[in-house]
Protein backbone atom coordinates (compact mmCIF):
# COMPACT_ATOMS: atom_id res chain seq x y z
CA MET A 1 -13.21 -9.20 16.37
CA THR A 2 -10.60 -10.78 13.23
CA LYS A 3 -9.87 -14.54 13.76
CA ALA A 4 -6.15 -15.56 14.16
CA ALA A 5 -4.23 -16.88 11.24
CA PRO A 6 -3.13 -20.76 11.49
CA PRO A 7 0.34 -21.52 11.53
CA LEU A 8 1.68 -22.23 8.30
CA THR A 9 4.02 -24.78 8.19
CA GLU A 10 5.62 -24.51 5.00
CA PRO A 11 7.98 -21.54 4.17
CA ALA A 12 6.14 -18.70 2.65
CA THR A 13 7.22 -16.37 -0.04
CA ILE A 14 7.04 -12.40 0.47
CA LYS A 15 7.28 -10.23 -2.31
CA VAL A 16 9.50 -7.22 -1.78
CA GLY A 17 8.95 -5.16 -5.00
CA GLY A 18 10.93 -5.23 -8.46
CA GLY A 19 9.79 -8.38 -9.12
CA ARG A 20 11.43 -9.83 -6.45
CA ALA A 21 10.66 -12.20 -3.33
CA LEU A 22 11.87 -13.72 -0.21
CA THR A 23 11.65 -17.00 1.07
CA THR A 24 11.21 -17.49 4.87
CA THR A 25 12.59 -20.23 7.00
CA ILE A 26 10.72 -22.01 10.22
CA ASP A 27 12.57 -22.11 13.37
CA PRO A 28 12.57 -26.00 14.13
CA LEU A 29 11.93 -25.14 18.00
CA THR A 30 9.78 -21.91 18.30
CA LYS A 31 7.97 -22.75 14.83
CA TYR A 32 8.26 -18.82 14.22
CA HIS A 33 8.84 -17.96 10.57
CA LEU A 34 12.21 -16.14 9.93
CA ILE A 35 13.20 -13.82 7.00
CA ALA A 36 16.55 -12.32 6.02
CA CYS A 37 16.35 -8.85 5.32
CA ASP A 38 17.68 -8.06 1.90
CA ILE A 39 19.28 -4.92 2.34
CA CYS A 40 21.21 -5.30 5.54
CA GLN A 41 21.06 -9.31 6.03
CA LYS A 42 19.51 -8.91 9.73
CA THR A 43 17.26 -11.88 10.62
CA ILE A 44 13.74 -10.93 11.35
CA GLN A 45 11.45 -13.27 13.22
CA LEU A 46 7.91 -12.93 11.70
CA THR A 47 4.78 -14.94 13.16
CA LYS A 48 3.95 -18.68 12.86
CA SER A 49 1.48 -17.65 10.57
CA ALA A 50 4.01 -15.74 8.41
CA ASN A 51 2.52 -12.43 8.52
CA PRO A 52 5.55 -10.09 7.41
CA ASN A 53 4.28 -6.75 8.93
CA ALA A 54 7.80 -6.70 10.90
CA PHE A 55 9.95 -7.36 8.27
CA PHE A 56 8.25 -4.61 6.07
CA VAL A 57 8.84 -2.07 9.06
CA HIS A 58 12.28 -3.03 9.18
CA ARG A 59 12.92 -2.96 5.59
CA LYS A 60 11.00 0.62 5.26
CA SER A 61 13.71 1.97 8.05
CA CYS A 62 16.63 0.19 5.81
CA SER A 63 15.48 1.83 2.60
CA ASN A 64 15.09 5.09 4.56
CA ARG A 65 18.52 5.07 6.34
CA ILE A 66 20.19 4.34 2.61
CA THR A 67 17.93 7.20 0.84
CA SER A 68 19.35 9.66 3.70
CA GLU A 69 22.69 8.72 3.94
CA SER A 70 23.19 8.91 -0.05
CA GLY A 71 21.00 12.11 -0.60
CA PRO A 72 22.80 14.80 -2.55
CA SER A 73 24.55 16.27 0.49
CA ASN A 74 24.88 15.41 4.06
CA VAL A 75 24.72 18.62 5.93
CA SER A 76 21.48 20.34 7.26
CA GLN A 77 19.82 23.20 5.35
CA GLN A 78 20.99 25.54 8.25
CA ASP A 79 24.49 24.37 7.46
CA ALA A 80 23.80 24.66 3.54
CA LEU A 81 22.77 28.39 3.85
CA GLU A 82 25.82 29.33 6.41
CA PRO A 83 29.05 30.35 4.18
CA THR A 84 32.25 29.31 5.44
CA GLY A 85 35.41 30.80 6.00
CA ARG A 86 36.61 34.13 4.10
CA ASP A 87 33.07 34.31 2.05
CA SER A 88 31.39 34.26 5.36
CA HIS A 89 33.51 37.12 6.64
CA GLN A 90 32.78 39.42 3.62
CA ARG A 91 28.78 38.46 3.53
CA GLN A 92 28.33 39.16 6.80
CA HIS A 93 30.51 42.81 6.59
CA SER A 94 28.19 43.40 3.59
CA LEU A 95 25.01 42.68 5.09
CA SER A 96 26.01 44.67 8.14
CA ARG A 97 26.78 47.56 5.89
CA LEU A 98 23.41 47.35 3.87
CA SER A 99 21.23 47.43 6.86
CA THR A 100 22.99 50.55 8.32
CA SER A 101 22.59 52.26 5.00
CA PHE A 102 18.74 50.75 4.86
CA SER A 103 18.45 51.78 8.59
CA HIS A 104 16.72 55.15 7.93
CA LEU A 105 14.22 54.05 5.91
CA GLN A 106 12.89 52.32 9.17
CA THR A 107 10.67 55.16 10.30
CA ALA A 108 7.40 55.30 12.10
CA SER A 109 5.30 55.78 8.50
CA PRO A 110 6.80 52.71 6.38
CA MET A 111 6.41 52.70 2.88
CA PRO A 112 3.07 51.54 1.63
CA SER A 113 2.67 47.58 0.42
CA PRO A 114 -0.05 45.89 -0.67
CA THR A 115 0.77 43.02 1.65
CA VAL A 116 2.86 42.24 4.75
CA VAL A 117 5.58 39.86 4.39
CA ASP A 118 7.27 39.75 7.83
CA SER A 119 8.10 41.84 10.74
CA ASN A 120 11.91 41.21 10.21
CA PRO A 121 13.60 44.44 8.60
CA ARG A 122 15.82 42.39 6.65
CA ALA A 123 13.16 40.49 5.23
CA ASP A 124 12.05 43.52 3.24
CA TYR A 125 15.24 43.94 1.17
CA PHE A 126 17.30 40.57 1.21
CA SER A 127 15.80 37.57 -0.54
CA ILE A 128 17.43 34.55 1.30
CA PRO A 129 17.21 31.21 -0.56
CA VAL A 130 15.17 28.32 0.76
CA ILE A 131 16.59 24.82 0.18
CA HIS A 132 13.38 22.57 -0.54
CA THR A 133 14.41 19.05 0.98
CA SER A 134 11.31 17.11 -0.52
CA ARG A 135 11.70 13.98 -2.48
CA PRO A 136 9.50 13.03 -5.84
CA THR A 137 6.94 10.85 -5.53
CA ARG A 138 4.83 8.55 -7.28
CA ILE A 139 1.22 6.88 -6.63
CA CYS A 140 0.91 3.57 -4.94
CA PRO A 141 0.50 0.99 -7.84
CA GLY A 142 -0.64 -1.51 -5.19
CA ILE A 143 -0.16 -5.29 -5.20
CA GLY A 144 -0.25 -7.71 -7.79
CA VAL A 145 -1.23 -11.22 -6.70
CA SER A 146 -2.02 -14.30 -9.01
CA TRP A 147 -5.58 -15.61 -8.69
CA LEU A 148 -5.40 -19.03 -8.28
CA PRO A 149 -9.17 -19.80 -8.07
CA GLY A 150 -9.50 -19.44 -12.15
CA SER A 151 -10.54 -17.07 -14.33
CA VAL A 152 -10.46 -13.25 -12.83
CA TRP A 153 -13.31 -12.60 -14.49
CA GLU A 154 -15.51 -15.64 -13.59
CA SER A 155 -13.69 -16.38 -10.07
CA TYR A 156 -13.29 -13.32 -8.17
CA PRO A 157 -16.53 -12.28 -6.37
CA TYR A 158 -16.62 -8.53 -7.26
CA HIS A 159 -20.05 -7.94 -5.64
CA GLN A 160 -18.50 -8.62 -2.39
CA HIS A 161 -17.02 -5.10 -2.28
CA ALA A 162 -20.67 -3.55 -2.44
CA ALA A 163 -21.99 -5.74 0.25
CA ARG A 164 -19.28 -4.95 2.94
CA ALA A 165 -15.78 -3.51 3.41
CA VAL A 166 -13.14 -6.42 2.70
CA GLY A 167 -10.24 -4.13 3.55
CA TRP A 168 -9.21 -3.53 -0.31
CA MET A 169 -10.19 -2.94 -3.77
CA PRO A 170 -9.46 -4.47 -7.43
CA ILE A 171 -7.88 -1.64 -9.38
CA GLY A 172 -6.12 -3.51 -12.05
CA PHE A 173 -6.24 -6.79 -14.16
CA ASP A 174 -3.67 -8.89 -16.21
CA PRO A 175 -5.86 -11.62 -17.93
CA LYS A 176 -2.52 -13.22 -19.43
CA ALA A 177 -1.03 -13.51 -16.21
CA ASN A 178 -4.28 -13.90 -14.35
CA LYS A 179 -3.01 -11.54 -11.90
CA ILE A 180 -5.52 -8.92 -9.74
CA PHE A 181 -3.72 -5.45 -8.77
CA LEU A 182 -5.18 -4.67 -5.51
CA ARG A 183 -4.91 -1.80 -3.33
CA SER A 184 -5.52 -1.71 0.55
CA ASP A 185 -8.33 0.57 2.04
CA LYS A 186 -5.33 2.41 4.12
CA CYS A 187 -2.84 2.66 1.29
CA ALA A 188 -0.57 5.40 1.63
CA MET A 189 -1.33 6.57 -1.84
CA GLU A 190 2.22 8.10 -2.28
CA LEU A 191 5.46 6.47 -2.33
CA PHE A 192 8.97 7.90 -3.04
CA GLU A 193 10.12 7.86 -6.29
CA ASN A 194 12.53 5.45 -5.94
CA ASP A 195 10.62 3.03 -3.85
CA GLU A 196 10.35 -0.48 -5.61
CA ALA A 197 7.97 -1.78 -3.46
CA PRO A 198 4.26 -0.88 -2.83
CA CYS A 199 3.04 0.44 0.40
CA THR A 200 3.01 -1.68 3.48
CA ARG A 201 -0.49 -1.76 3.83
CA CYS A 202 -1.03 -2.95 0.07
CA LEU A 203 2.08 -5.38 0.46
CA LEU A 204 -0.15 -7.07 3.50
CA VAL A 205 -3.45 -7.58 2.09
CA GLU A 206 -2.74 -10.50 0.44
CA HIS A 207 -0.77 -12.06 3.95
CA SER A 208 -4.18 -11.01 5.76
CA VAL A 209 -6.86 -13.39 7.06
CA GLU A 210 -9.49 -11.95 5.21
CA PHE A 211 -7.71 -12.22 2.04
CA LYS A 212 -6.70 -15.98 2.68
CA SER A 213 -10.44 -16.35 3.28
CA PHE A 214 -11.46 -14.78 0.41
CA ILE A 215 -9.58 -17.30 -1.42
CA SER A 216 -10.19 -20.17 0.27
CA ARG A 217 -14.12 -19.52 -0.43
CA ALA A 218 -13.23 -18.61 -3.89
CA THR A 219 -11.55 -22.19 -4.35
CA GLU A 220 -13.92 -24.55 -2.66
CA VAL A 221 -17.24 -23.24 -1.16
CA LYS A 222 -18.89 -24.78 1.97
CA GLU A 223 -22.53 -25.48 1.40
CA HIS A 224 -25.05 -23.45 2.73
CA THR A 225 -22.67 -19.97 2.50
CA PRO A 226 -24.73 -17.06 1.65
CA TRP A 227 -24.65 -16.20 -1.91
CA ASN A 228 -23.42 -12.89 -1.41
CA TYR A 229 -20.19 -14.91 -0.77
CA LEU A 230 -20.06 -16.67 -3.71
CA THR A 231 -17.96 -16.18 -6.95
CA GLY A 232 -19.96 -15.78 -10.31
CA GLU A 233 -19.33 -19.66 -11.24
CA GLN A 234 -20.29 -20.89 -7.58
CA LEU A 235 -23.61 -18.59 -8.12
CA LEU A 236 -24.25 -19.93 -11.62
CA GLY A 237 -23.72 -23.54 -10.35
CA LEU A 238 -26.06 -22.96 -7.35
CA LEU A 239 -28.74 -21.44 -9.85
CA LYS A 240 -28.62 -24.76 -11.76
CA LYS A 241 -28.82 -26.95 -8.56
CA MET A 242 -31.88 -24.72 -7.26
CA ALA A 243 -33.66 -24.70 -10.62
CA GLY A 244 -33.30 -28.34 -11.10
CA GLN A 245 -34.95 -28.69 -7.46
CA LEU A 246 -37.25 -26.84 -8.11
CA ASN A 247 -38.13 -28.98 -11.54
CA THR A 248 -38.37 -32.23 -9.30
CA LEU A 249 -40.91 -30.59 -6.89
CA ARG A 250 -42.91 -29.24 -9.29
CA THR A 251 -43.28 -32.87 -10.44
CA LYS A 252 -43.69 -34.33 -6.97
CA ALA A 253 -46.65 -32.09 -6.47
CA CYS A 254 -48.70 -32.81 -9.68
CA PRO A 255 -50.62 -35.86 -9.09
CA PHE A 256 -50.80 -36.85 -12.86
CA PRO A 257 -48.11 -37.11 -15.34
CA PRO A 258 -47.50 -34.11 -17.44
CA TYR A 259 -49.32 -33.87 -20.51
CA ARG A 260 -47.60 -32.63 -23.64
CA ILE A 261 -49.88 -30.57 -25.78
CA GLU A 262 -49.17 -31.20 -29.85
CA ASN A 263 -49.84 -28.58 -32.11
């Protein structure tokens, strides 16, 4: 069972994509974190640990609503296919005459065809336009996080991903900014082209208890922590410490002082 995150007593920063971030406030009575939606300005209550899941869900619904309202057309697909006024009357009259003129072709022995398209006789003679409502998509880029414990090459415990599932994978690096780009194991993978932010699952990675523990151990490890939780720097320090202890034990085990053999 995942341990609950401890309360956060300082305002938290929540990234919303496009290089922008919002800062929470803390209710002085309830100690819950509050954040104002940058789209509709509504105040959303988070948890005491500032987990932003409720905010991301709300913000996604706001974004979808705006996209729906600002689409190329507010009419339904059925309305788009149906002509209006005089054009509607003329088209219906023409279709009726064409259907009548072709009715003698609908006999017990239909025209041979390599494939059967539809049992509807009108579908054999008329090409009805189909309006595609799918929107352009792009691949979720993951979330870029500043790696505070140190160098992205020396202080990130990459081997942990081979030992266990931590909930995300590193997919890119920016050594100059000391950033690591992470992708959630539950990443949606696809975003709409106009979505500024990564998917909600990726956004939640840096706010998860697991990731905070990941950073905490990389920053300052407790004694007797299993080696597979250590970073490269910590492993090197442990190796030097154990090598020193081994030399000390060898010296204590030898009954005589060690002799140097001169060439």
